[in-house]
Amino acid sequence: NSNRSSLISLTMADEARAMLDALMGADRNAPVEGASSHSRGGGGGQTRRQKRSCYDPDICPLYCAWSLSSQENPTWAESVAANDGQGGIDVFDLFTNTKSDIGPNPYRVDDHAREEFASLPEHEKRRLGYEDMLARKLQDLVRQCDRTVARNKEKLRREVAQAMKQRTSGSGRGNREDLVVTVNEEMLEKCASNVAQATLIEEEMASLVEKLEGLEDDEKKLLKVLAKEKSKEDEKQEEKDNAASTNEEGKPVEPPKKKKKKSKEKSKEAAAEETNETLRSKIVDPRLLEVEKSKLTTLLRLQSLSLQLPPLRDNTDNLLRQLQYLRSDTSTDKVVCDVSGNFMSSRDADERIAAHYAGKQYVGWKLVRDKLKELQKKGMG
């Protein structure tokens, strides 16, 4: 029993060692060249792990040839596709765990080797042929994706034809039948009502805006009139004050000497007159009040209408998406993405459409197609 258990433990250890060798290399325990850590055990015979070179036979040539864009910051699609901490794109990682998965990379991915290849002169890059290899690989992938796109479009066409045939069976008119008869009348009536209501609201809002502009013009004119009236009143008051301060011969009248007992009563009367003058100046003209009241009423109505319009438009858009007569085939609202070959719905919400364009397959196939065009412009492949 003890021999059997020891044999099992040795077998498990060998399997674990083989797994680590496959993932990290046989020299995984050796310190990296140039590292500050001292060798364990103090022996001088321990090997050091060398930096990988683009000339090593186990290095992935496709990864060496596909660096991120030369811009200061990579594009959004590249940042999504690239692994954390890497400066290149591994084509085998673009479609992991998707229907377009092309399997694991049989070679080793190393950034130092990729940087070394990027620093080589052009004639040496062409001699190695890594970019040609990448262009041929991407070309094969694009051909496969194009076949998927064509196959899905043909499948969709057959589905449409079958659905049309079923809907027109027995009518004798074939696919030329006018499918307006399948319209949901209640939904159509609701949609038409929403469109009419939205039109009325927009027309009323336009008239209110015109009315508001007219009220502003009236307010400006009224303010000019009030300013002229105020200036005339000031001139009359000034003339009265000047007339009261001079006698018949045109000489200034000396104010009589006031007794000390009546000085307090006079000062109170003067203060009361000043208060009355201040109150009269603060009183707003009723004509101006009427204009301001009309402006406020118009603004409140305009605000109320502006709050009613957006939900009404959203409801109308949803009804329009659901109405069958708006689609030419009326059997399906699916379309095929020309980049990834996936099916999409023309009635999807904006969030789902955005999720498709941010998905792993669309981002991966977009990068593959763009990189292939870039390499073909350089004469690769």
Protein backbone atom coordinates (compact mmCIF):
# COMPACT_ATOMS: atom_id res chain seq x y z
CA ASN A 1 0.00 0.00 0.00
CA SER A 2 2.79 2.38 0.87
CA ASN A 3 4.53 1.69 -2.44
CA ARG A 4 1.29 2.26 -4.34
CA SER A 5 0.61 5.58 -2.58
CA SER A 6 4.15 6.78 -3.20
CA LEU A 7 3.82 5.81 -6.86
CA ILE A 8 0.56 7.75 -7.15
CA SER A 9 2.09 10.83 -5.52
CA LEU A 10 5.08 10.68 -7.89
CA THR A 11 2.77 10.39 -10.87
CA MET A 12 0.73 13.42 -9.74
CA ALA A 13 3.91 15.41 -9.17
CA ASP A 14 5.16 14.53 -12.66
CA GLU A 15 1.85 15.62 -14.17
CA ALA A 16 1.94 18.92 -12.28
CA ARG A 17 5.56 19.49 -13.36
CA ALA A 18 4.69 18.76 -16.98
CA MET A 19 1.75 21.19 -16.80
CA LEU A 20 3.94 23.96 -15.38
CA ASP A 21 6.60 23.28 -18.03
CA ALA A 22 3.97 23.65 -20.74
CA LEU A 23 2.66 26.91 -19.27
CA MET A 24 5.86 28.62 -18.08
CA GLY A 25 8.74 26.73 -19.65
CA ALA A 26 11.22 24.24 -18.29
CA ASP A 27 13.43 27.04 -16.93
CA ARG A 28 10.61 28.68 -14.99
CA ASN A 29 12.49 28.54 -11.67
CA ALA A 30 15.62 30.19 -13.00
CA PRO A 31 16.00 33.93 -12.24
CA VAL A 32 15.57 36.36 -15.10
CA GLU A 33 18.76 37.75 -16.57
CA GLY A 34 19.49 41.16 -15.15
CA ALA A 35 17.23 40.66 -12.12
CA SER A 36 18.44 41.90 -8.75
CA SER A 37 17.59 38.70 -6.89
CA HIS A 38 20.58 36.54 -5.97
CA SER A 39 20.71 32.89 -6.95
CA ARG A 40 19.38 30.48 -4.39
CA GLY A 41 21.79 28.14 -2.61
CA GLY A 42 24.82 30.25 -3.44
CA GLY A 43 25.93 27.83 -6.16
CA GLY A 44 27.41 29.14 -9.32
CA GLY A 45 26.03 26.41 -11.55
CA GLN A 46 22.40 27.51 -11.56
CA THR A 47 21.17 28.56 -15.03
CA ARG A 48 19.63 31.91 -15.68
CA ARG A 49 16.41 32.34 -17.67
CA GLN A 50 17.24 34.25 -20.83
CA LYS A 51 14.96 36.84 -22.42
CA ARG A 52 13.05 35.47 -25.36
CA SER A 53 14.05 36.47 -28.87
CA CYS A 54 11.98 36.78 -32.01
CA TYR A 55 14.40 34.27 -33.56
CA ASP A 56 13.48 31.52 -31.07
CA PRO A 57 11.62 28.66 -32.76
CA ASP A 58 8.89 28.49 -30.09
CA ILE A 59 8.00 32.19 -30.28
CA CYS A 60 4.70 33.07 -31.99
CA PRO A 61 5.53 34.94 -35.23
CA LEU A 62 1.96 36.26 -35.54
CA TYR A 63 2.14 38.00 -32.14
CA CYS A 64 5.54 39.51 -33.02
CA ALA A 65 4.06 40.99 -36.20
CA TRP A 66 0.93 42.47 -34.60
CA SER A 67 1.82 45.34 -32.29
CA LEU A 68 -0.67 47.93 -31.14
CA SER A 69 -1.08 51.04 -33.27
CA SER A 70 1.86 53.42 -33.33
CA GLN A 71 -0.30 56.16 -31.85
CA GLU A 72 0.32 57.43 -28.34
CA ASN A 73 -2.80 55.61 -27.15
CA PRO A 74 -4.18 52.45 -28.78
CA THR A 75 -7.60 52.52 -30.37
CA TRP A 76 -10.63 51.51 -28.34
CA ALA A 77 -10.96 48.19 -30.17
CA GLU A 78 -7.28 47.39 -29.60
CA SER A 79 -7.51 48.19 -25.90
CA VAL A 80 -10.50 45.82 -25.65
CA ALA A 81 -8.79 43.01 -27.55
CA ALA A 82 -5.29 43.30 -26.04
CA ASN A 83 -4.50 41.40 -22.87
CA ASP A 84 -3.61 43.31 -19.72
CA GLY A 85 -0.02 44.47 -19.70
CA GLN A 86 0.67 43.41 -23.30
CA GLY A 87 1.65 45.64 -26.17
CA GLY A 88 0.48 43.34 -28.94
CA ILE A 89 -2.56 41.36 -30.03
CA ASP A 90 -2.68 37.57 -30.06
CA VAL A 91 -5.03 36.52 -32.84
CA PHE A 92 -5.80 33.29 -31.00
CA ASP A 93 -7.18 35.25 -28.03
CA LEU A 94 -9.55 37.42 -30.05
CA PHE A 95 -12.41 34.91 -30.15
CA THR A 96 -11.90 32.84 -27.00
CA ASN A 97 -15.12 31.26 -25.70
CA THR A 98 -17.15 32.44 -28.72
CA LYS A 99 -18.58 30.68 -31.77
CA SER A 100 -15.58 31.98 -33.73
CA ASP A 101 -13.00 30.42 -31.37
CA ILE A 102 -9.95 29.25 -33.36
CA GLY A 103 -8.32 27.34 -30.52
CA PRO A 104 -5.23 27.96 -28.37
CA ASN A 105 -1.99 29.42 -29.62
CA PRO A 106 0.54 26.59 -30.23
CA TYR A 107 3.45 28.99 -29.80
CA ARG A 108 4.73 31.16 -26.96
CA VAL A 109 3.66 34.80 -26.70
CA ASP A 110 6.39 37.15 -25.47
CA ASP A 111 6.49 40.94 -25.45
CA HIS A 112 10.28 41.15 -25.46
CA ALA A 113 10.39 39.15 -28.69
CA ARG A 114 7.69 41.35 -30.20
CA GLU A 115 9.59 44.53 -29.27
CA GLU A 116 12.78 43.05 -30.71
CA PHE A 117 11.01 42.30 -33.99
CA ALA A 118 9.51 45.83 -34.10
CA SER A 119 13.00 47.31 -33.75
CA LEU A 120 14.45 45.32 -36.68
CA PRO A 121 15.08 47.04 -40.01
CA GLU A 122 12.55 46.52 -42.76
CA HIS A 123 14.70 44.19 -44.83
CA GLU A 124 15.21 41.89 -41.84
CA LYS A 125 11.47 41.89 -41.08
CA ARG A 126 10.77 40.86 -44.67
CA ARG A 127 13.41 38.16 -44.48
CA LEU A 128 11.77 36.66 -41.41
CA GLY A 129 8.37 36.91 -43.09
CA TYR A 130 6.32 37.23 -39.90
CA GLU A 131 4.07 39.92 -41.37
CA ASP A 132 3.44 37.73 -44.43
CA MET A 133 2.46 34.88 -42.10
CA LEU A 134 0.09 37.17 -40.22
CA ALA A 135 -1.46 38.46 -43.46
CA ARG A 136 -2.08 34.89 -44.72
CA LYS A 137 -3.58 33.88 -41.38
CA LEU A 138 -5.88 36.90 -41.31
CA GLN A 139 -6.84 36.30 -44.93
CA ASP A 140 -7.92 32.75 -44.10
CA LEU A 141 -9.94 34.00 -41.15
CA VAL A 142 -11.65 36.68 -43.24
CA ARG A 143 -12.54 34.11 -45.90
CA GLN A 144 -14.13 31.90 -43.24
CA CYS A 145 -16.06 34.86 -41.81
CA ASP A 146 -17.25 35.93 -45.28
CA ARG A 147 -18.53 32.40 -45.90
CA THR A 148 -20.40 32.61 -42.59
CA VAL A 149 -21.91 35.96 -43.60
CA ALA A 150 -23.03 34.59 -46.97
CA ARG A 151 -24.41 31.42 -45.37
CA ASN A 152 -26.40 33.34 -42.77
CA LYS A 153 -27.79 35.73 -45.39
CA GLU A 154 -28.91 32.78 -47.50
CA LYS A 155 -30.47 31.19 -44.42
CA LEU A 156 -32.29 34.41 -43.65
CA ARG A 157 -33.49 34.67 -47.25
CA ARG A 158 -34.91 31.14 -47.09
CA GLU A 159 -36.66 31.91 -43.80
CA VAL A 160 -38.24 35.00 -45.33
CA ALA A 161 -39.38 33.09 -48.41
CA GLN A 162 -40.83 30.28 -46.30
CA ALA A 163 -42.67 32.71 -44.03
CA MET A 164 -44.06 34.59 -47.03
CA LYS A 165 -45.19 31.34 -48.59
CA GLN A 166 -47.02 30.30 -45.42
CA ARG A 167 -48.72 33.66 -45.03
CA THR A 168 -49.88 33.76 -48.63
CA SER A 169 -50.93 30.11 -48.96
CA GLY A 170 -54.40 29.72 -50.47
CA SER A 171 -54.63 33.26 -51.71
CA GLY A 172 -53.33 32.50 -55.21
CA ARG A 173 -51.29 35.71 -55.19
CA GLY A 174 -47.96 34.28 -54.09
CA ASN A 175 -45.37 36.62 -52.63
CA ARG A 176 -47.04 39.61 -54.30
CA GLU A 177 -49.78 39.75 -51.67
CA ASP A 178 -50.32 43.12 -50.08
CA LEU A 179 -49.48 42.42 -46.45
CA VAL A 180 -51.02 45.64 -45.16
CA VAL A 181 -54.03 43.51 -44.17
CA THR A 182 -51.96 42.11 -41.31
CA VAL A 183 -51.61 45.49 -39.59
CA ASN A 184 -52.63 45.70 -35.95
CA GLU A 185 -55.42 48.28 -36.24
CA GLU A 186 -55.43 49.19 -32.56
CA MET A 187 -51.67 49.76 -32.55
CA LEU A 188 -51.88 51.73 -35.77
CA GLU A 189 -54.64 53.95 -34.37
CA LYS A 190 -52.63 54.58 -31.21
CA CYS A 191 -49.54 55.44 -33.25
CA ALA A 192 -51.52 57.85 -35.47
CA SER A 193 -53.04 59.47 -32.40
CA ASN A 194 -49.59 59.96 -30.87
CA VAL A 195 -48.24 61.49 -34.08
CA ALA A 196 -51.21 63.88 -34.31
CA GLN A 197 -50.90 64.87 -30.66
CA ALA A 198 -47.18 65.48 -31.03
CA THR A 199 -47.84 67.66 -34.09
CA LEU A 200 -50.41 69.73 -32.21
CA ILE A 201 -48.03 70.17 -29.29
CA GLU A 202 -45.23 71.30 -31.60
CA GLU A 203 -47.54 73.80 -33.33
CA GLU A 204 -48.73 75.18 -29.99
CA MET A 205 -45.16 75.48 -28.76
CA ALA A 206 -44.22 77.39 -31.91
CA SER A 207 -47.13 79.82 -31.40
CA LEU A 208 -46.20 80.27 -27.74
CA VAL A 209 -42.63 81.10 -28.71
CA GLU A 210 -43.91 83.74 -31.14
CA LYS A 211 -46.20 85.12 -28.44
CA LEU A 212 -43.31 85.27 -25.98
CA GLU A 213 -41.17 87.18 -28.46
CA GLY A 214 -44.04 89.66 -28.98
CA LEU A 215 -44.42 90.15 -25.23
CA GLU A 216 -40.71 90.86 -24.92
CA ASP A 217 -40.99 93.52 -27.64
CA ASP A 218 -44.01 95.05 -25.87
CA GLU A 219 -42.09 95.10 -22.60
CA LYS A 220 -39.18 96.95 -24.21
CA LYS A 221 -41.51 99.55 -25.73
CA LEU A 222 -43.37 100.00 -22.43
CA LEU A 223 -40.13 100.49 -20.53
CA LYS A 224 -39.17 103.27 -22.95
CA VAL A 225 -42.55 104.97 -22.44
CA LEU A 226 -42.26 104.71 -18.65
CA ALA A 227 -38.75 106.14 -18.78
CA LYS A 228 -40.01 109.17 -20.74
CA GLU A 229 -42.90 109.70 -18.30
CA LYS A 230 -40.53 109.50 -15.36
CA SER A 231 -38.17 112.04 -16.89
CA LYS A 232 -41.08 114.45 -17.46
CA GLU A 233 -42.24 114.09 -13.86
CA ASP A 234 -38.71 114.75 -12.63
CA GLU A 235 -38.52 117.92 -14.73
CA LYS A 236 -41.86 119.21 -13.35
CA GLN A 237 -40.76 118.47 -9.78
CA GLU A 238 -37.49 120.27 -10.36
CA GLU A 239 -39.33 123.33 -11.68
CA LYS A 240 -41.60 123.38 -8.60
CA ASP A 241 -38.61 123.16 -6.29
CA ASN A 242 -36.88 126.02 -8.10
CA ALA A 243 -40.02 128.18 -7.95
CA ALA A 244 -40.44 127.59 -4.24
CA SER A 245 -36.85 128.55 -3.49
CA THR A 246 -37.07 132.05 -5.15
CA ASN A 247 -39.26 135.15 -4.42
CA GLU A 248 -41.05 137.40 -6.87
CA GLU A 249 -37.92 139.50 -7.50
CA GLY A 250 -35.93 136.39 -8.31
CA LYS A 251 -33.93 136.49 -5.08
CA PRO A 252 -33.52 133.40 -2.96
CA VAL A 253 -35.86 133.31 0.01
CA GLU A 254 -34.14 132.93 3.33
CA PRO A 255 -35.86 130.32 5.40
CA PRO A 256 -37.35 131.77 8.58
CA LYS A 257 -35.71 130.99 11.83
CA LYS A 258 -37.38 128.02 13.42
CA LYS A 259 -37.99 127.61 17.01
CA LYS A 260 -36.27 124.81 18.78
CA LYS A 261 -39.57 123.35 20.01
CA LYS A 262 -40.99 122.85 16.49
CA SER A 263 -37.77 121.47 14.91
CA LYS A 264 -38.55 117.90 15.92
CA GLU A 265 -42.06 118.01 14.40
CA LYS A 266 -40.71 119.40 11.10
CA SER A 267 -38.05 116.71 10.87
CA LYS A 268 -40.70 114.03 11.34
CA GLU A 269 -42.83 115.51 8.56
CA ALA A 270 -39.83 115.61 6.19
CA ALA A 271 -39.01 111.97 6.93
CA ALA A 272 -42.62 110.98 6.21
CA GLU A 273 -42.54 112.80 2.86
CA GLU A 274 -39.30 111.05 1.89
CA THR A 275 -40.86 107.69 2.78
CA ASN A 276 -43.89 108.44 0.59
CA GLU A 277 -41.64 109.40 -2.32
CA THR A 278 -39.66 106.12 -1.93
CA LEU A 279 -42.87 104.05 -1.89
CA ARG A 280 -44.18 105.83 -4.99
CA SER A 281 -40.92 105.09 -6.83
CA LYS A 282 -41.12 101.40 -5.90
CA ILE A 283 -44.67 100.96 -7.15
CA VAL A 284 -44.59 99.16 -10.52
CA ASP A 285 -46.74 100.42 -13.33
CA PRO A 286 -49.86 98.18 -13.78
CA ARG A 287 -49.22 97.96 -17.52
CA LEU A 288 -45.79 96.46 -16.86
CA LEU A 289 -47.30 94.06 -14.35
CA GLU A 290 -49.77 92.84 -16.94
CA VAL A 291 -46.98 92.16 -19.47
CA GLU A 292 -44.89 90.28 -16.88
CA LYS A 293 -47.92 88.20 -15.90
CA SER A 294 -48.55 87.24 -19.52
CA LYS A 295 -44.89 86.28 -19.98
CA LEU A 296 -44.93 84.07 -16.88
CA THR A 297 -48.13 82.31 -17.99
CA THR A 298 -46.68 81.67 -21.44
CA LEU A 299 -43.43 80.28 -20.02
CA LEU A 300 -45.26 77.90 -17.69
CA ARG A 301 -47.40 76.59 -20.54
CA LEU A 302 -44.33 76.18 -22.74
CA GLN A 303 -42.57 74.22 -19.99
CA SER A 304 -45.57 71.93 -19.55
CA LEU A 305 -45.71 71.15 -23.28
CA SER A 306 -41.96 70.51 -23.50
CA LEU A 307 -42.27 67.89 -20.74
CA GLN A 308 -45.11 66.11 -22.55
CA LEU A 309 -43.34 65.80 -25.91
CA PRO A 310 -40.34 63.43 -25.22
CA PRO A 311 -42.33 60.51 -23.71
CA LEU A 312 -44.88 60.86 -26.50
CA ARG A 313 -42.15 60.58 -29.12
CA ASP A 314 -40.60 57.55 -27.39
CA ASN A 315 -43.97 55.81 -27.29
CA THR A 316 -44.50 56.55 -30.99
CA ASP A 317 -41.06 55.14 -31.90
CA ASN A 318 -41.79 51.91 -30.00
CA LEU A 319 -45.12 51.51 -31.79
CA LEU A 320 -43.49 52.14 -35.16
CA ARG A 321 -40.95 49.38 -34.48
CA GLN A 322 -43.72 46.92 -33.66
CA LEU A 323 -46.02 47.67 -36.57
CA GLN A 324 -45.78 44.83 -39.09
CA TYR A 325 -46.60 46.88 -42.15
CA LEU A 326 -43.43 48.94 -41.78
CA ARG A 327 -41.20 45.96 -42.72
CA SER A 328 -40.89 44.85 -46.32
CA ASP A 329 -40.77 41.11 -45.60
CA THR A 330 -43.00 41.17 -42.46
CA SER A 331 -41.71 37.72 -41.49
CA THR A 332 -38.51 38.65 -39.73
CA ASP A 333 -36.75 41.78 -38.61
CA LYS A 334 -33.35 40.12 -38.47
CA VAL A 335 -30.32 41.33 -40.39
CA VAL A 336 -26.83 39.87 -40.75
CA CYS A 337 -23.81 41.83 -39.55
CA ASP A 338 -21.39 42.16 -42.48
CA VAL A 339 -18.38 42.29 -40.13
CA SER A 340 -18.97 39.35 -37.78
CA GLY A 341 -21.72 37.38 -39.54
CA ASN A 342 -23.97 37.45 -36.45
CA PHE A 343 -27.72 38.03 -36.59
CA MET A 344 -29.06 41.35 -35.38
CA SER A 345 -32.57 42.67 -34.91
CA SER A 346 -33.60 45.96 -36.48
CA ARG A 347 -35.98 46.50 -33.56
CA ASP A 348 -33.35 46.05 -30.86
CA ALA A 349 -33.07 48.76 -28.25
CA ASP A 350 -30.11 51.11 -28.40
CA GLU A 351 -28.47 49.29 -25.48
CA ARG A 352 -28.52 45.93 -27.29
CA ILE A 353 -27.20 47.48 -30.49
CA ALA A 354 -24.38 49.11 -28.54
CA ALA A 355 -23.67 45.77 -26.82
CA HIS A 356 -23.31 44.09 -30.23
CA TYR A 357 -20.77 46.65 -31.44
CA ALA A 358 -18.87 46.36 -28.15
CA GLY A 359 -19.01 42.56 -28.17
CA LYS A 360 -15.98 40.31 -28.45
CA GLN A 361 -16.83 38.93 -31.88
CA TYR A 362 -17.54 42.27 -33.56
CA VAL A 363 -14.43 43.90 -32.03
CA GLY A 364 -12.27 40.91 -32.99
CA TRP A 365 -13.47 40.67 -36.59
CA LYS A 366 -13.21 44.45 -37.02
CA LEU A 367 -9.57 44.33 -35.88
CA VAL A 368 -8.84 41.35 -38.16
CA ARG A 369 -10.31 43.07 -41.23
CA ASP A 370 -8.61 46.42 -40.51
CA LYS A 371 -5.22 44.77 -39.89
CA LEU A 372 -5.52 42.74 -43.09
CA LYS A 373 -6.20 45.90 -45.11
CA GLU A 374 -3.19 47.58 -43.49
CA LEU A 375 -0.90 44.65 -44.34
CA GLN A 376 -2.23 44.38 -47.91
CA LYS A 377 -1.45 48.05 -48.47
CA LYS A 378 2.16 47.22 -47.53
CA GLY A 379 2.18 44.38 -50.08
CA MET A 380 2.02 41.57 -47.54
CA GLY A 381 0.24 38.27 -48.05
